[in-house]
Amino acid sequence: MQQHPIPQNITGFEFKLVGFLTLKQFLYLAGVSIISFIIFVSITSFVKWVFIAPLMLLGLAFAFFPINGMTFDKWIVIFIRAVTSPSRRVWQKEEKVFSFLESQFSYYLRRPAAGIPVKNVGRGRLDSYLAQVRRKKQPNKLDALEQTRLSALGLNQTPKTVEVITADIGSTAKSTSALAGISEEVNQNG
């Protein structure tokens, strides 16, 4: 059986119309030639060459001059797009609404779960349950040791209320002596 090569890039294949020219290259050259001939016939002075020469160079570039593997016409389009569009892109967050959270589905979110009766009992039942749990709890040796150590630290005592003394600028001696008395009392207890 004879083997045949399989083309790898089928989409990039361009049919050769005239010799080595593709259809696109031939149309570029034909279009530039027709426009140049019209300019050549219509303008009689030396100025016609100022228009014909750049036009012919542009036509040749479009037909035969690739840049970075791209045809010149594609490169021109990308270049113009890059120059006119902003170089910094800013993402702006759009609020997205999930379809299952819309109002037409809110019934399914608010309805009670099937099979589980919901009772509104109140706080009384919870308090009675917590009181039973506290009574049943028998302190073990570790809990008793922890309670004796905490009581030795003096943390169970109720904090003493301290009067706030407001004084004028002239009576700073009274407030200083009152603060000294409070600090001595704290040092004796602590």
C-alpha atoms as a PDB file:
ATOM      1  CA  MET A   1       0.000   0.000   0.000  1.00  0.00           C
ATOM      2  CA  GLN A   2       1.301   3.395  -0.988  1.00  0.00           C
ATOM      3  CA  GLN A   3       1.635   6.094   1.678  1.00  0.00           C
ATOM      4  CA  HIS A   4       0.529   9.669   1.108  1.00  0.00           C
ATOM      5  CA  PRO A   5       1.540  12.718   3.138  1.00  0.00           C
ATOM      6  CA  ILE A   6      -1.258  14.276   5.185  1.00  0.00           C
ATOM      7  CA  PRO A   7      -1.269  18.078   5.307  1.00  0.00           C
ATOM      8  CA  GLN A   8      -0.927  19.311   8.887  1.00  0.00           C
ATOM      9  CA  ASN A   9      -2.431  22.806   8.588  1.00  0.00           C
ATOM     10  CA  ILE A  10      -5.404  22.557   6.260  1.00  0.00           C
ATOM     11  CA  THR A  11      -6.928  25.923   7.219  1.00  0.00           C
ATOM     12  CA  GLY A  12      -3.746  27.851   6.412  1.00  0.00           C
ATOM     13  CA  PHE A  13      -3.506  26.455   2.895  1.00  0.00           C
ATOM     14  CA  GLU A  14      -3.984  29.034   0.136  1.00  0.00           C
ATOM     15  CA  PHE A  15      -4.608  28.058  -3.433  1.00  0.00           C
ATOM     16  CA  LYS A  16      -1.945  29.226  -5.922  1.00  0.00           C
ATOM     17  CA  LEU A  17      -3.826  31.033  -8.666  1.00  0.00           C
ATOM     18  CA  VAL A  18      -1.176  32.382 -11.022  1.00  0.00           C
ATOM     19  CA  GLY A  19       2.249  30.768 -10.797  1.00  0.00           C
ATOM     20  CA  PHE A  20       3.550  31.359  -7.285  1.00  0.00           C
ATOM     21  CA  LEU A  21       0.867  33.977  -6.390  1.00  0.00           C
ATOM     22  CA  THR A  22      -2.078  33.198  -4.192  1.00  0.00           C
ATOM     23  CA  LEU A  23      -5.490  34.694  -4.906  1.00  0.00           C
ATOM     24  CA  LYS A  24      -5.060  37.358  -2.205  1.00  0.00           C
ATOM     25  CA  GLN A  25      -1.603  38.382  -3.482  1.00  0.00           C
ATOM     26  CA  PHE A  26      -2.868  38.549  -7.043  1.00  0.00           C
ATOM     27  CA  LEU A  27      -5.823  40.757  -6.035  1.00  0.00           C
ATOM     28  CA  TYR A  28      -3.564  43.159  -4.095  1.00  0.00           C
ATOM     29  CA  LEU A  29      -1.184  43.523  -7.046  1.00  0.00           C
ATOM     30  CA  ALA A  30      -4.024  43.842  -9.572  1.00  0.00           C
ATOM     31  CA  GLY A  31      -5.822  46.482  -7.444  1.00  0.00           C
ATOM     32  CA  VAL A  32      -2.689  48.572  -6.921  1.00  0.00           C
ATOM     33  CA  SER A  33      -1.817  48.298 -10.639  1.00  0.00           C
ATOM     34  CA  ILE A  34      -5.268  49.501 -11.700  1.00  0.00           C
ATOM     35  CA  ILE A  35      -5.213  52.448  -9.250  1.00  0.00           C
ATOM     36  CA  SER A  36      -1.666  53.355 -10.343  1.00  0.00           C
ATOM     37  CA  PHE A  37      -2.663  53.238 -14.027  1.00  0.00           C
ATOM     38  CA  ILE A  38      -5.642  55.555 -13.326  1.00  0.00           C
ATOM     39  CA  ILE A  39      -3.343  58.026 -11.524  1.00  0.00           C
ATOM     40  CA  PHE A  40      -0.772  57.766 -14.342  1.00  0.00           C
ATOM     41  CA  VAL A  41      -3.365  58.571 -17.018  1.00  0.00           C
ATOM     42  CA  SER A  42      -5.217  61.307 -15.136  1.00  0.00           C
ATOM     43  CA  ILE A  43      -2.260  63.373 -13.853  1.00  0.00           C
ATOM     44  CA  THR A  44       0.091  64.713 -16.547  1.00  0.00           C
ATOM     45  CA  SER A  45       2.864  66.319 -14.494  1.00  0.00           C
ATOM     46  CA  PHE A  46       5.759  64.854 -12.540  1.00  0.00           C
ATOM     47  CA  VAL A  47       3.585  64.839  -9.355  1.00  0.00           C
ATOM     48  CA  LYS A  48       1.947  61.587 -10.482  1.00  0.00           C
ATOM     49  CA  TRP A  49       5.084  59.676  -9.452  1.00  0.00           C
ATOM     50  CA  VAL A  50       4.743  61.024  -5.899  1.00  0.00           C
ATOM     51  CA  PHE A  51       1.436  59.145  -5.648  1.00  0.00           C
ATOM     52  CA  ILE A  52       2.309  56.068  -7.727  1.00  0.00           C
ATOM     53  CA  ALA A  53       5.603  55.092  -6.001  1.00  0.00           C
ATOM     54  CA  PRO A  54       4.273  54.836  -2.414  1.00  0.00           C
ATOM     55  CA  LEU A  55       1.113  53.128  -3.667  1.00  0.00           C
ATOM     56  CA  MET A  56       3.132  50.490  -5.537  1.00  0.00           C
ATOM     57  CA  LEU A  57       5.390  49.929  -2.480  1.00  0.00           C
ATOM     58  CA  LEU A  58       2.336  49.514  -0.271  1.00  0.00           C
ATOM     59  CA  GLY A  59       0.819  47.030  -2.737  1.00  0.00           C
ATOM     60  CA  LEU A  60       4.036  45.017  -2.848  1.00  0.00           C
ATOM     61  CA  ALA A  61       4.195  45.019   0.959  1.00  0.00           C
ATOM     62  CA  PHE A  62       0.603  43.778   1.200  1.00  0.00           C
ATOM     63  CA  ALA A  63       1.315  41.024  -1.328  1.00  0.00           C
ATOM     64  CA  PHE A  64       4.779  39.774  -0.328  1.00  0.00           C
ATOM     65  CA  PHE A  65       6.005  41.220   2.992  1.00  0.00           C
ATOM     66  CA  PRO A  66       5.180  39.125   6.068  1.00  0.00           C
ATOM     67  CA  ILE A  67       6.003  40.443   9.572  1.00  0.00           C
ATOM     68  CA  ASN A  68       6.513  37.877  12.341  1.00  0.00           C
ATOM     69  CA  GLY A  69       4.756  35.211  10.317  1.00  0.00           C
ATOM     70  CA  MET A  70       1.679  37.391   9.668  1.00  0.00           C
ATOM     71  CA  THR A  71       0.666  38.896   6.397  1.00  0.00           C
ATOM     72  CA  PHE A  72       1.118  42.666   6.151  1.00  0.00           C
ATOM     73  CA  ASP A  73      -2.637  43.366   5.978  1.00  0.00           C
ATOM     74  CA  LYS A  74      -3.277  41.374   9.164  1.00  0.00           C
ATOM     75  CA  TRP A  75      -0.311  43.097  10.851  1.00  0.00           C
ATOM     76  CA  ILE A  76      -1.673  46.570   9.935  1.00  0.00           C
ATOM     77  CA  VAL A  77      -5.076  45.716  11.451  1.00  0.00           C
ATOM     78  CA  ILE A  78      -3.479  44.447  14.672  1.00  0.00           C
ATOM     79  CA  PHE A  79      -1.179  47.484  14.832  1.00  0.00           C
ATOM     80  CA  ILE A  80      -4.081  49.936  14.476  1.00  0.00           C
ATOM     81  CA  ARG A  81      -6.077  48.033  17.091  1.00  0.00           C
ATOM     82  CA  ALA A  82      -3.108  48.135  19.501  1.00  0.00           C
ATOM     83  CA  VAL A  83      -2.574  51.871  19.009  1.00  0.00           C
ATOM     84  CA  THR A  84      -6.229  52.849  19.400  1.00  0.00           C
ATOM     85  CA  SER A  85      -7.219  50.545  22.272  1.00  0.00           C
ATOM     86  CA  PRO A  86      -6.063  51.275  25.833  1.00  0.00           C
ATOM     87  CA  SER A  87      -2.978  49.423  26.987  1.00  0.00           C
ATOM     88  CA  ARG A  88      -4.194  49.082  30.561  1.00  0.00           C
ATOM     89  CA  ARG A  89      -7.249  46.982  31.102  1.00  0.00           C
ATOM     90  CA  VAL A  90      -9.382  47.593  34.186  1.00  0.00           C
ATOM     91  CA  TRP A  91     -11.677  44.881  35.426  1.00  0.00           C
ATOM     92  CA  GLN A  92     -15.021  46.131  36.653  1.00  0.00           C
ATOM     93  CA  LYS A  93     -16.967  43.678  38.721  1.00  0.00           C
ATOM     94  CA  GLU A  94     -20.499  43.075  37.574  1.00  0.00           C
ATOM     95  CA  GLU A  95     -23.047  41.821  40.040  1.00  0.00           C
ATOM     96  CA  LYS A  96     -24.017  38.301  39.154  1.00  0.00           C
ATOM     97  CA  VAL A  97     -27.421  37.037  40.212  1.00  0.00           C
ATOM     98  CA  PHE A  98     -27.712  33.310  40.629  1.00  0.00           C
ATOM     99  CA  SER A  99     -30.864  31.966  39.050  1.00  0.00           C
ATOM    100  CA  PHE A 100     -31.746  29.696  41.967  1.00  0.00           C
ATOM    101  CA  LEU A 101     -31.796  32.692  44.355  1.00  0.00           C
ATOM    102  CA  GLU A 102     -34.309  34.717  42.357  1.00  0.00           C
ATOM    103  CA  SER A 103     -37.700  35.557  43.822  1.00  0.00           C
ATOM    104  CA  GLN A 104     -39.543  32.894  41.850  1.00  0.00           C
ATOM    105  CA  PHE A 105     -37.555  30.213  43.706  1.00  0.00           C
ATOM    106  CA  SER A 106     -37.730  31.867  47.155  1.00  0.00           C
ATOM    107  CA  TYR A 107     -40.671  29.665  48.140  1.00  0.00           C
ATOM    108  CA  TYR A 108     -38.363  26.662  48.180  1.00  0.00           C
ATOM    109  CA  LEU A 109     -35.865  28.469  50.400  1.00  0.00           C
ATOM    110  CA  ARG A 110     -38.449  29.610  52.986  1.00  0.00           C
ATOM    111  CA  ARG A 111     -40.543  26.476  53.344  1.00  0.00           C
ATOM    112  CA  PRO A 112     -39.983  24.208  56.373  1.00  0.00           C
ATOM    113  CA  ALA A 113     -38.128  20.974  55.925  1.00  0.00           C
ATOM    114  CA  ALA A 114     -40.426  18.050  55.211  1.00  0.00           C
ATOM    115  CA  GLY A 115     -40.821  15.420  57.941  1.00  0.00           C
ATOM    116  CA  ILE A 116     -39.295  17.479  60.767  1.00  0.00           C
ATOM    117  CA  PRO A 117     -41.897  19.197  62.933  1.00  0.00           C
ATOM    118  CA  VAL A 118     -40.791  22.621  64.072  1.00  0.00           C
ATOM    119  CA  LYS A 119     -41.872  23.562  67.595  1.00  0.00           C
ATOM    120  CA  ASN A 120     -41.516  26.962  69.128  1.00  0.00           C
ATOM    121  CA  VAL A 121     -41.008  25.976  72.756  1.00  0.00           C
ATOM    122  CA  GLY A 122     -39.218  28.923  74.310  1.00  0.00           C
ATOM    123  CA  ARG A 123     -36.361  29.374  76.701  1.00  0.00           C
ATOM    124  CA  GLY A 124     -37.953  27.681  79.742  1.00  0.00           C
ATOM    125  CA  ARG A 125     -37.329  24.170  78.502  1.00  0.00           C
ATOM    126  CA  LEU A 126     -33.701  24.946  77.724  1.00  0.00           C
ATOM    127  CA  ASP A 127     -33.109  26.394  81.182  1.00  0.00           C
ATOM    128  CA  SER A 128     -34.634  23.336  82.865  1.00  0.00           C
ATOM    129  CA  TYR A 129     -32.450  21.020  80.784  1.00  0.00           C
ATOM    130  CA  LEU A 130     -29.289  22.965  81.611  1.00  0.00           C
ATOM    131  CA  ALA A 131     -30.170  22.902  85.335  1.00  0.00           C
ATOM    132  CA  GLN A 132     -30.495  19.085  85.199  1.00  0.00           C
ATOM    133  CA  VAL A 133     -27.156  18.763  83.445  1.00  0.00           C
ATOM    134  CA  ARG A 134     -25.432  20.916  86.038  1.00  0.00           C
ATOM    135  CA  ARG A 135     -26.894  18.893  88.938  1.00  0.00           C
ATOM    136  CA  LYS A 136     -25.911  15.548  87.434  1.00  0.00           C
ATOM    137  CA  LYS A 137     -22.326  16.578  86.906  1.00  0.00           C
ATOM    138  CA  GLN A 138     -20.066  15.051  89.562  1.00  0.00           C
ATOM    139  CA  PRO A 139     -16.762  16.900  89.932  1.00  0.00           C
ATOM    140  CA  ASN A 140     -13.766  14.667  89.508  1.00  0.00           C
ATOM    141  CA  LYS A 141     -10.389  15.067  91.216  1.00  0.00           C
ATOM    142  CA  LEU A 142      -8.970  17.240  88.436  1.00  0.00           C
ATOM    143  CA  ASP A 143     -11.916  19.665  88.569  1.00  0.00           C
ATOM    144  CA  ALA A 144     -11.654  19.890  92.384  1.00  0.00           C
ATOM    145  CA  LEU A 145      -7.921  20.601  92.165  1.00  0.00           C
ATOM    146  CA  GLU A 146      -8.582  23.272  89.541  1.00  0.00           C
ATOM    147  CA  GLN A 147     -11.189  24.963  91.781  1.00  0.00           C
ATOM    148  CA  THR A 148      -8.817  25.035  94.788  1.00  0.00           C
ATOM    149  CA  ARG A 149      -6.021  26.567  92.710  1.00  0.00           C
ATOM    150  CA  LEU A 150      -8.336  29.206  91.253  1.00  0.00           C
ATOM    151  CA  SER A 151      -9.647  30.131  94.682  1.00  0.00           C
ATOM    152  CA  ALA A 152      -6.064  30.470  95.928  1.00  0.00           C
ATOM    153  CA  LEU A 153      -5.464  33.053  93.213  1.00  0.00           C
ATOM    154  CA  GLY A 154      -8.298  35.186  94.517  1.00  0.00           C
ATOM    155  CA  LEU A 155     -10.128  35.390  91.225  1.00  0.00           C
ATOM    156  CA  ASN A 156     -13.489  34.474  92.747  1.00  0.00           C
ATOM    157  CA  GLN A 157     -13.682  37.661  94.785  1.00  0.00           C
ATOM    158  CA  THR A 158     -16.030  40.299  93.528  1.00  0.00           C
ATOM    159  CA  PRO A 159     -14.198  43.327  92.196  1.00  0.00           C
ATOM    160  CA  LYS A 160     -14.253  46.355  94.434  1.00  0.00           C
ATOM    161  CA  THR A 161     -15.879  49.438  93.062  1.00  0.00           C
ATOM    162  CA  VAL A 162     -13.625  52.433  92.857  1.00  0.00           C
ATOM    163  CA  GLU A 163     -14.962  55.939  93.091  1.00  0.00           C
ATOM    164  CA  VAL A 164     -13.874  58.279  90.383  1.00  0.00           C
ATOM    165  CA  ILE A 165     -12.648  61.524  91.870  1.00  0.00           C
ATOM    166  CA  THR A 166     -12.955  64.594  89.780  1.00  0.00           C
ATOM    167  CA  ALA A 167     -10.836  67.469  90.889  1.00  0.00           C
ATOM    168  CA  ASP A 168     -10.071  70.948  89.784  1.00  0.00           C
ATOM    169  CA  ILE A 169      -6.567  71.951  88.782  1.00  0.00           C
ATOM    170  CA  GLY A 170      -6.000  73.490  92.209  1.00  0.00           C
ATOM    171  CA  SER A 171      -6.889  70.325  94.139  1.00  0.00           C
ATOM    172  CA  THR A 172      -4.450  67.842  92.594  1.00  0.00           C
ATOM    173  CA  ALA A 173      -3.056  66.975  96.023  1.00  0.00           C
ATOM    174  CA  LYS A 174      -6.399  65.439  97.094  1.00  0.00           C
ATOM    175  CA  SER A 175      -6.709  63.266  93.976  1.00  0.00           C
ATOM    176  CA  THR A 176      -3.084  62.103  94.218  1.00  0.00           C
ATOM    177  CA  SER A 177      -3.521  61.037  97.847  1.00  0.00           C
ATOM    178  CA  ALA A 178      -6.784  59.234  96.990  1.00  0.00           C
ATOM    179  CA  LEU A 179      -5.079  57.316  94.177  1.00  0.00           C
ATOM    180  CA  ALA A 180      -2.207  56.389  96.507  1.00  0.00           C
ATOM    181  CA  GLY A 181      -4.747  54.980  98.997  1.00  0.00           C
ATOM    182  CA  ILE A 182      -6.376  52.864  96.314  1.00  0.00           C
ATOM    183  CA  SER A 183      -3.034  51.500  95.131  1.00  0.00           C
ATOM    184  CA  GLU A 184      -2.061  50.544  98.712  1.00  0.00           C
ATOM    185  CA  GLU A 185      -5.359  48.680  99.105  1.00  0.00           C
ATOM    186  CA  VAL A 186      -4.788  46.773  95.850  1.00  0.00           C
ATOM    187  CA  ASN A 187      -1.240  45.842  96.938  1.00  0.00           C
ATOM    188  CA  GLN A 188      -2.503  44.469 100.247  1.00  0.00           C
ATOM    189  CA  ASN A 189      -5.135  42.299  98.571  1.00  0.00           C
ATOM    190  CA  GLY A 190      -2.991  41.128  95.690  1.00  0.00           C
END
